[in-house]
Amino acid sequence: MTFRSNASFNGGRPRVSASLSVGPLGQINFSAGADLRHPAGQTFQPRPVAPSERTMTHASQFRNVTPQQTSVHVLSNHRYQVSIDGLEHAAFSEVSGLQVETETMDFIEGGVNDRVLRLPVRSRVGNLILKRGMVAGNELLEWHLNVVQGYLDVRNITITVYDHPTSVRDSSNHYLRTADPQVRMRFELLQAYPVKWSGPTFNGNGDAVAVESLELAHSGFLQLSR
């Protein structure tokens, strides 16, 4: 016993035929084939695929990518800006103390003799230290003196990190100007107040810049998107 079936698609061009037969011993034979000819007998030519319809393989996606494009973007440590609420002149030559530390507790579990579990307990942030050349007016010392006199003057601080500047070229491949640097990262320090102010060391034989430093305690910081 033999069963045959024909099917066509794509406007009647490729035609598929299949047959199923049962032998005298009960075996089943199946065969299928395609006729790549037009109904008029012409050979079927596949339609050219447009570039927008082509699929890119996983290997070819990274064929023309340079190592600079796939590497991690490293930020520079000298392109930053500090903003303090209520402080007009907030230009600092050095910023340090951005750190978070988590305390742990040792937990001894019964039956586990090959190790001691260490579980996180609480986290604390470090004090922020700002340094700059001393200017007339000395707003940093006045801020700390408010705390010394019993007035808790808390302010928010924003540290903005910028990308390297880029140059713009004209049609003649000449540099026109430096584009505005892009903001890469922001740190928002909450409820900061001074806990230590250090003045400069004066020397009659020296000519270095008089540097003051301010150490700030705060309630934590957030990393904000640009």
C-alpha atoms as a PDB file:
ATOM      1  CA  MET A   1       0.000   0.000   0.000  1.00  0.00           C
ATOM      2  CA  THR A   2       1.395   3.391  -0.996  1.00  0.00           C
ATOM      3  CA  PHE A   3       0.298   6.924  -0.042  1.00  0.00           C
ATOM      4  CA  ARG A   4       1.513   9.977  -1.997  1.00  0.00           C
ATOM      5  CA  SER A   5       1.075  13.688  -1.320  1.00  0.00           C
ATOM      6  CA  ASN A   6       2.188  16.899  -3.114  1.00  0.00           C
ATOM      7  CA  ALA A   7       2.416  20.419  -1.658  1.00  0.00           C
ATOM      8  CA  SER A   8       3.471  23.785  -3.084  1.00  0.00           C
ATOM      9  CA  PHE A   9       4.291  27.169  -1.483  1.00  0.00           C
ATOM     10  CA  ASN A  10       5.834  30.587  -2.204  1.00  0.00           C
ATOM     11  CA  GLY A  11       3.639  31.361  -5.159  1.00  0.00           C
ATOM     12  CA  GLY A  12       3.664  27.811  -6.479  1.00  0.00           C
ATOM     13  CA  ARG A  13       7.393  27.749  -7.264  1.00  0.00           C
ATOM     14  CA  PRO A  14       9.006  25.051  -5.052  1.00  0.00           C
ATOM     15  CA  ARG A  15       6.908  21.890  -4.948  1.00  0.00           C
ATOM     16  CA  VAL A  16       7.375  19.218  -2.286  1.00  0.00           C
ATOM     17  CA  SER A  17       6.272  15.607  -2.777  1.00  0.00           C
ATOM     18  CA  ALA A  18       6.171  12.836  -0.170  1.00  0.00           C
ATOM     19  CA  SER A  19       5.276   9.167  -0.340  1.00  0.00           C
ATOM     20  CA  LEU A  20       4.544   6.585   2.338  1.00  0.00           C
ATOM     21  CA  SER A  21       4.459   2.880   1.527  1.00  0.00           C
ATOM     22  CA  VAL A  22       3.869  -0.305   3.511  1.00  0.00           C
ATOM     23  CA  GLY A  23       5.895  -3.352   2.475  1.00  0.00           C
ATOM     24  CA  PRO A  24       4.724  -6.962   2.400  1.00  0.00           C
ATOM     25  CA  LEU A  25       6.373  -7.634   5.752  1.00  0.00           C
ATOM     26  CA  GLY A  26       4.779  -4.607   7.417  1.00  0.00           C
ATOM     27  CA  GLN A  27       7.777  -2.269   7.139  1.00  0.00           C
ATOM     28  CA  ILE A  28       7.087   1.417   6.541  1.00  0.00           C
ATOM     29  CA  ASN A  29       9.080   3.337   3.905  1.00  0.00           C
ATOM     30  CA  PHE A  30       8.962   7.149   3.750  1.00  0.00           C
ATOM     31  CA  SER A  31      10.520   9.382   1.100  1.00  0.00           C
ATOM     32  CA  ALA A  32      10.307  13.125   0.370  1.00  0.00           C
ATOM     33  CA  GLY A  33      11.727  15.450  -2.257  1.00  0.00           C
ATOM     34  CA  ALA A  34      11.466  18.975  -3.660  1.00  0.00           C
ATOM     35  CA  ASP A  35      11.095  20.095  -7.263  1.00  0.00           C
ATOM     36  CA  LEU A  36      12.834  23.453  -7.624  1.00  0.00           C
ATOM     37  CA  ARG A  37      11.278  24.287 -10.981  1.00  0.00           C
ATOM     38  CA  HIS A  38       8.550  26.659 -12.015  1.00  0.00           C
ATOM     39  CA  PRO A  39       5.301  25.162 -13.237  1.00  0.00           C
ATOM     40  CA  ALA A  40       6.437  25.970 -16.770  1.00  0.00           C
ATOM     41  CA  GLY A  41       9.587  23.877 -16.301  1.00  0.00           C
ATOM     42  CA  GLN A  42      12.022  26.719 -15.584  1.00  0.00           C
ATOM     43  CA  THR A  43      14.648  26.268 -12.904  1.00  0.00           C
ATOM     44  CA  PHE A  44      13.840  28.094  -9.673  1.00  0.00           C
ATOM     45  CA  GLN A  45      16.312  30.851  -8.735  1.00  0.00           C
ATOM     46  CA  PRO A  46      16.191  32.028  -5.116  1.00  0.00           C
ATOM     47  CA  ARG A  47      15.408  35.676  -4.523  1.00  0.00           C
ATOM     48  CA  PRO A  48      18.474  37.794  -3.535  1.00  0.00           C
ATOM     49  CA  VAL A  49      18.406  38.701   0.135  1.00  0.00           C
ATOM     50  CA  ALA A  50      18.600  42.394   1.005  1.00  0.00           C
ATOM     51  CA  PRO A  51      21.315  43.513   3.444  1.00  0.00           C
ATOM     52  CA  SER A  52      18.637  44.541   5.961  1.00  0.00           C
ATOM     53  CA  GLU A  53      17.212  40.991   5.930  1.00  0.00           C
ATOM     54  CA  ARG A  54      20.490  39.209   6.502  1.00  0.00           C
ATOM     55  CA  THR A  55      21.077  37.791   9.937  1.00  0.00           C
ATOM     56  CA  MET A  56      24.465  38.332  11.571  1.00  0.00           C
ATOM     57  CA  THR A  57      26.032  35.354  13.261  1.00  0.00           C
ATOM     58  CA  HIS A  58      27.398  35.564  16.780  1.00  0.00           C
ATOM     59  CA  ALA A  59      31.012  35.353  15.579  1.00  0.00           C
ATOM     60  CA  SER A  60      30.632  38.036  12.907  1.00  0.00           C
ATOM     61  CA  GLN A  61      29.145  40.523  15.372  1.00  0.00           C
ATOM     62  CA  PHE A  62      32.570  41.047  16.960  1.00  0.00           C
ATOM     63  CA  ARG A  63      34.679  40.662  13.825  1.00  0.00           C
ATOM     64  CA  ASN A  64      35.207  44.401  13.230  1.00  0.00           C
ATOM     65  CA  VAL A  65      35.226  45.518  16.873  1.00  0.00           C
ATOM     66  CA  THR A  66      38.504  46.991  18.049  1.00  0.00           C
ATOM     67  CA  PRO A  67      39.930  46.249  21.515  1.00  0.00           C
ATOM     68  CA  GLN A  68      39.337  49.889  22.484  1.00  0.00           C
ATOM     69  CA  GLN A  69      35.604  49.485  21.890  1.00  0.00           C
ATOM     70  CA  THR A  70      35.267  46.346  23.976  1.00  0.00           C
ATOM     71  CA  SER A  71      37.499  47.430  26.864  1.00  0.00           C
ATOM     72  CA  VAL A  72      36.146  48.842  30.109  1.00  0.00           C
ATOM     73  CA  HIS A  73      35.947  52.627  30.197  1.00  0.00           C
ATOM     74  CA  VAL A  74      38.468  53.813  32.793  1.00  0.00           C
ATOM     75  CA  LEU A  75      37.839  57.193  34.401  1.00  0.00           C
ATOM     76  CA  SER A  76      40.482  59.750  35.204  1.00  0.00           C
ATOM     77  CA  ASN A  77      40.955  60.899  38.797  1.00  0.00           C
ATOM     78  CA  HIS A  78      41.579  64.571  38.014  1.00  0.00           C
ATOM     79  CA  ARG A  79      38.358  65.545  36.225  1.00  0.00           C
ATOM     80  CA  TYR A  80      35.806  66.095  38.976  1.00  0.00           C
ATOM     81  CA  GLN A  81      33.726  68.789  40.623  1.00  0.00           C
ATOM     82  CA  VAL A  82      32.529  69.169  44.202  1.00  0.00           C
ATOM     83  CA  SER A  83      29.292  70.975  45.074  1.00  0.00           C
ATOM     84  CA  ILE A  84      28.247  71.734  48.656  1.00  0.00           C
ATOM     85  CA  ASP A  85      24.890  73.200  49.640  1.00  0.00           C
ATOM     86  CA  GLY A  86      25.297  76.808  50.733  1.00  0.00           C
ATOM     87  CA  LEU A  87      28.977  76.962  49.812  1.00  0.00           C
ATOM     88  CA  GLU A  88      29.806  79.250  46.914  1.00  0.00           C
ATOM     89  CA  HIS A  89      33.472  78.372  46.385  1.00  0.00           C
ATOM     90  CA  ALA A  90      33.808  74.565  46.441  1.00  0.00           C
ATOM     91  CA  ALA A  91      36.926  73.976  44.343  1.00  0.00           C
ATOM     92  CA  PHE A  92      39.128  71.334  45.975  1.00  0.00           C
ATOM     93  CA  SER A  93      42.489  69.977  44.872  1.00  0.00           C
ATOM     94  CA  GLU A  94      42.018  66.585  46.534  1.00  0.00           C
ATOM     95  CA  VAL A  95      39.044  64.453  47.569  1.00  0.00           C
ATOM     96  CA  SER A  96      39.470  61.226  49.532  1.00  0.00           C
ATOM     97  CA  GLY A  97      37.556  58.984  51.921  1.00  0.00           C
ATOM     98  CA  LEU A  98      34.876  57.543  49.635  1.00  0.00           C
ATOM     99  CA  GLN A  99      34.633  54.114  51.205  1.00  0.00           C
ATOM    100  CA  VAL A 100      32.097  51.668  52.618  1.00  0.00           C
ATOM    101  CA  GLU A 101      33.057  48.968  55.109  1.00  0.00           C
ATOM    102  CA  THR A 102      30.857  46.065  56.209  1.00  0.00           C
ATOM    103  CA  GLU A 103      31.374  44.377  59.557  1.00  0.00           C
ATOM    104  CA  THR A 104      31.042  40.623  59.793  1.00  0.00           C
ATOM    105  CA  MET A 105      30.102  38.154  62.538  1.00  0.00           C
ATOM    106  CA  ASP A 106      31.526  34.653  62.881  1.00  0.00           C
ATOM    107  CA  PHE A 107      28.803  32.000  63.098  1.00  0.00           C
ATOM    108  CA  ILE A 108      29.728  28.504  64.280  1.00  0.00           C
ATOM    109  CA  GLU A 109      27.281  25.945  62.949  1.00  0.00           C
ATOM    110  CA  GLY A 110      26.913  22.617  64.688  1.00  0.00           C
ATOM    111  CA  GLY A 111      28.231  19.724  62.664  1.00  0.00           C
ATOM    112  CA  VAL A 112      30.280  21.952  60.329  1.00  0.00           C
ATOM    113  CA  ASN A 113      33.861  21.547  61.524  1.00  0.00           C
ATOM    114  CA  ASP A 114      35.782  22.500  58.371  1.00  0.00           C
ATOM    115  CA  ARG A 115      34.892  26.191  58.308  1.00  0.00           C
ATOM    116  CA  VAL A 116      33.387  29.117  60.189  1.00  0.00           C
ATOM    117  CA  LEU A 117      30.579  31.030  58.523  1.00  0.00           C
ATOM    118  CA  ARG A 118      31.030  34.811  58.286  1.00  0.00           C
ATOM    119  CA  LEU A 119      27.798  36.778  58.036  1.00  0.00           C
ATOM    120  CA  PRO A 120      27.414  40.514  57.273  1.00  0.00           C
ATOM    121  CA  VAL A 121      26.195  42.538  60.228  1.00  0.00           C
ATOM    122  CA  ARG A 122      26.282  46.279  59.562  1.00  0.00           C
ATOM    123  CA  SER A 123      28.006  48.697  57.227  1.00  0.00           C
ATOM    124  CA  ARG A 124      29.612  52.037  57.873  1.00  0.00           C
ATOM    125  CA  VAL A 125      31.008  54.761  55.656  1.00  0.00           C
ATOM    126  CA  GLY A 126      34.292  56.579  56.051  1.00  0.00           C
ATOM    127  CA  ASN A 127      34.764  60.293  56.581  1.00  0.00           C
ATOM    128  CA  LEU A 128      35.215  62.461  53.520  1.00  0.00           C
ATOM    129  CA  ILE A 129      38.389  64.561  53.420  1.00  0.00           C
ATOM    130  CA  LEU A 130      38.552  67.688  51.258  1.00  0.00           C
ATOM    131  CA  LYS A 131      41.738  69.682  50.640  1.00  0.00           C
ATOM    132  CA  ARG A 132      42.245  73.002  48.917  1.00  0.00           C
ATOM    133  CA  GLY A 133      44.280  76.161  49.003  1.00  0.00           C
ATOM    134  CA  MET A 134      43.104  78.544  51.711  1.00  0.00           C
ATOM    135  CA  VAL A 135      41.068  81.475  50.393  1.00  0.00           C
ATOM    136  CA  ALA A 136      39.891  84.709  51.954  1.00  0.00           C
ATOM    137  CA  GLY A 137      36.678  84.364  53.914  1.00  0.00           C
ATOM    138  CA  ASN A 138      37.349  80.723  54.862  1.00  0.00           C
ATOM    139  CA  GLU A 139      33.844  79.312  54.591  1.00  0.00           C
ATOM    140  CA  LEU A 140      35.033  75.843  55.585  1.00  0.00           C
ATOM    141  CA  LEU A 141      36.239  76.980  59.014  1.00  0.00           C
ATOM    142  CA  GLU A 142      33.025  78.922  59.589  1.00  0.00           C
ATOM    143  CA  TRP A 143      31.009  75.810  58.774  1.00  0.00           C
ATOM    144  CA  HIS A 144      32.951  73.792  61.340  1.00  0.00           C
ATOM    145  CA  LEU A 145      32.660  76.537  63.971  1.00  0.00           C
ATOM    146  CA  ASN A 146      28.876  76.279  63.676  1.00  0.00           C
ATOM    147  CA  VAL A 147      29.147  72.630  64.721  1.00  0.00           C
ATOM    148  CA  VAL A 148      31.576  73.515  67.511  1.00  0.00           C
ATOM    149  CA  GLN A 149      29.053  75.994  68.921  1.00  0.00           C
ATOM    150  CA  GLY A 150      26.338  73.329  69.043  1.00  0.00           C
ATOM    151  CA  TYR A 151      24.511  74.030  65.781  1.00  0.00           C
ATOM    152  CA  LEU A 152      24.308  70.882  63.643  1.00  0.00           C
ATOM    153  CA  ASP A 153      24.686  72.375  60.183  1.00  0.00           C
ATOM    154  CA  VAL A 154      24.211  69.385  57.835  1.00  0.00           C
ATOM    155  CA  ARG A 155      24.540  69.773  54.070  1.00  0.00           C
ATOM    156  CA  ASN A 156      24.478  67.511  51.034  1.00  0.00           C
ATOM    157  CA  ILE A 157      27.589  67.147  48.890  1.00  0.00           C
ATOM    158  CA  THR A 158      27.723  66.105  45.246  1.00  0.00           C
ATOM    159  CA  ILE A 159      30.907  64.808  43.609  1.00  0.00           C
ATOM    160  CA  THR A 160      30.658  64.733  39.821  1.00  0.00           C
ATOM    161  CA  VAL A 161      33.165  62.778  37.702  1.00  0.00           C
ATOM    162  CA  TYR A 162      33.630  63.805  34.054  1.00  0.00           C
ATOM    163  CA  ASP A 163      34.947  62.005  31.011  1.00  0.00           C
ATOM    164  CA  HIS A 164      37.994  63.057  29.010  1.00  0.00           C
ATOM    165  CA  PRO A 165      37.282  66.022  26.705  1.00  0.00           C
ATOM    166  CA  THR A 166      36.872  65.334  23.013  1.00  0.00           C
ATOM    167  CA  SER A 167      37.617  67.534  20.011  1.00  0.00           C
ATOM    168  CA  VAL A 168      35.209  68.275  17.167  1.00  0.00           C
ATOM    169  CA  ARG A 169      36.440  68.266  13.552  1.00  0.00           C
ATOM    170  CA  ASP A 170      35.027  70.139  10.590  1.00  0.00           C
ATOM    171  CA  SER A 171      34.661  68.923   7.003  1.00  0.00           C
ATOM    172  CA  SER A 172      38.342  69.720   6.344  1.00  0.00           C
ATOM    173  CA  ASN A 173      39.411  67.440   9.203  1.00  0.00           C
ATOM    174  CA  HIS A 174      40.538  70.385  11.357  1.00  0.00           C
ATOM    175  CA  TYR A 175      39.927  70.651  15.066  1.00  0.00           C
ATOM    176  CA  LEU A 176      37.418  73.384  15.846  1.00  0.00           C
ATOM    177  CA  ARG A 177      36.767  73.284  19.558  1.00  0.00           C
ATOM    178  CA  THR A 178      36.704  70.998  22.551  1.00  0.00           C
ATOM    179  CA  ALA A 179      33.332  69.401  23.167  1.00  0.00           C
ATOM    180  CA  ASP A 180      31.720  69.600  26.578  1.00  0.00           C
ATOM    181  CA  PRO A 181      32.863  66.724  28.808  1.00  0.00           C
ATOM    182  CA  GLN A 182      30.261  64.117  29.611  1.00  0.00           C
ATOM    183  CA  VAL A 183      29.223  63.249  33.140  1.00  0.00           C
ATOM    184  CA  ARG A 184      30.180  59.654  33.904  1.00  0.00           C
ATOM    185  CA  MET A 185      29.349  59.299  37.588  1.00  0.00           C
ATOM    186  CA  ARG A 186      27.899  61.182  40.545  1.00  0.00           C
ATOM    187  CA  PHE A 187      28.226  60.595  44.274  1.00  0.00           C
ATOM    188  CA  GLU A 188      25.612  62.166  46.531  1.00  0.00           C
ATOM    189  CA  LEU A 189      26.696  62.385  50.196  1.00  0.00           C
ATOM    190  CA  LEU A 190      23.785  62.855  52.580  1.00  0.00           C
ATOM    191  CA  GLN A 191      23.673  65.014  55.740  1.00  0.00           C
ATOM    192  CA  ALA A 192      27.369  65.833  55.921  1.00  0.00           C
ATOM    193  CA  TYR A 193      28.882  68.028  58.626  1.00  0.00           C
ATOM    194  CA  PRO A 194      32.487  68.896  59.619  1.00  0.00           C
ATOM    195  CA  VAL A 195      34.223  66.950  62.369  1.00  0.00           C
ATOM    196  CA  LYS A 196      37.795  68.174  61.845  1.00  0.00           C
ATOM    197  CA  TRP A 197      39.412  71.211  60.280  1.00  0.00           C
ATOM    198  CA  SER A 198      43.176  71.428  59.709  1.00  0.00           C
ATOM    199  CA  GLY A 199      44.914  74.658  58.792  1.00  0.00           C
ATOM    200  CA  PRO A 200      48.127  75.106  56.822  1.00  0.00           C
ATOM    201  CA  THR A 201      51.660  75.066  58.155  1.00  0.00           C
ATOM    202  CA  PHE A 202      53.265  78.478  57.726  1.00  0.00           C
ATOM    203  CA  ASN A 203      56.947  78.778  56.939  1.00  0.00           C
ATOM    204  CA  GLY A 204      58.776  82.056  56.435  1.00  0.00           C
ATOM    205  CA  ASN A 205      61.314  80.417  54.127  1.00  0.00           C
ATOM    206  CA  GLY A 206      58.806  78.570  51.960  1.00  0.00           C
ATOM    207  CA  ASP A 207      56.675  79.579  48.998  1.00  0.00           C
ATOM    208  CA  ALA A 208      54.155  76.686  48.872  1.00  0.00           C
ATOM    209  CA  VAL A 209      50.415  77.233  48.769  1.00  0.00           C
ATOM    210  CA  ALA A 210      48.672  77.353  52.142  1.00  0.00           C
ATOM    211  CA  VAL A 211      46.443  74.247  52.163  1.00  0.00           C
ATOM    212  CA  GLU A 212      43.527  73.614  54.488  1.00  0.00           C
ATOM    213  CA  SER A 213      41.665  70.318  54.913  1.00  0.00           C
ATOM    214  CA  LEU A 214      38.164  69.541  56.145  1.00  0.00           C
ATOM    215  CA  GLU A 215      37.011  66.127  57.362  1.00  0.00           C
ATOM    216  CA  LEU A 216      33.289  65.450  57.082  1.00  0.00           C
ATOM    217  CA  ALA A 217      31.054  62.816  58.619  1.00  0.00           C
ATOM    218  CA  HIS A 218      27.917  61.864  56.722  1.00  0.00           C
ATOM    219  CA  SER A 219      25.023  59.400  56.764  1.00  0.00           C
ATOM    220  CA  GLY A 220      26.028  57.579  53.592  1.00  0.00           C
ATOM    221  CA  PHE A 221      26.351  58.222  49.881  1.00  0.00           C
ATOM    222  CA  LEU A 222      24.481  57.232  46.761  1.00  0.00           C
ATOM    223  CA  GLN A 223      25.900  56.574  43.324  1.00  0.00           C
ATOM    224  CA  LEU A 224      23.658  58.390  40.888  1.00  0.00           C
ATOM    225  CA  SER A 225      23.340  57.853  37.167  1.00  0.00           C
ATOM    226  CA  ARG A 226      24.319  60.651  34.860  1.00  0.00           C
END
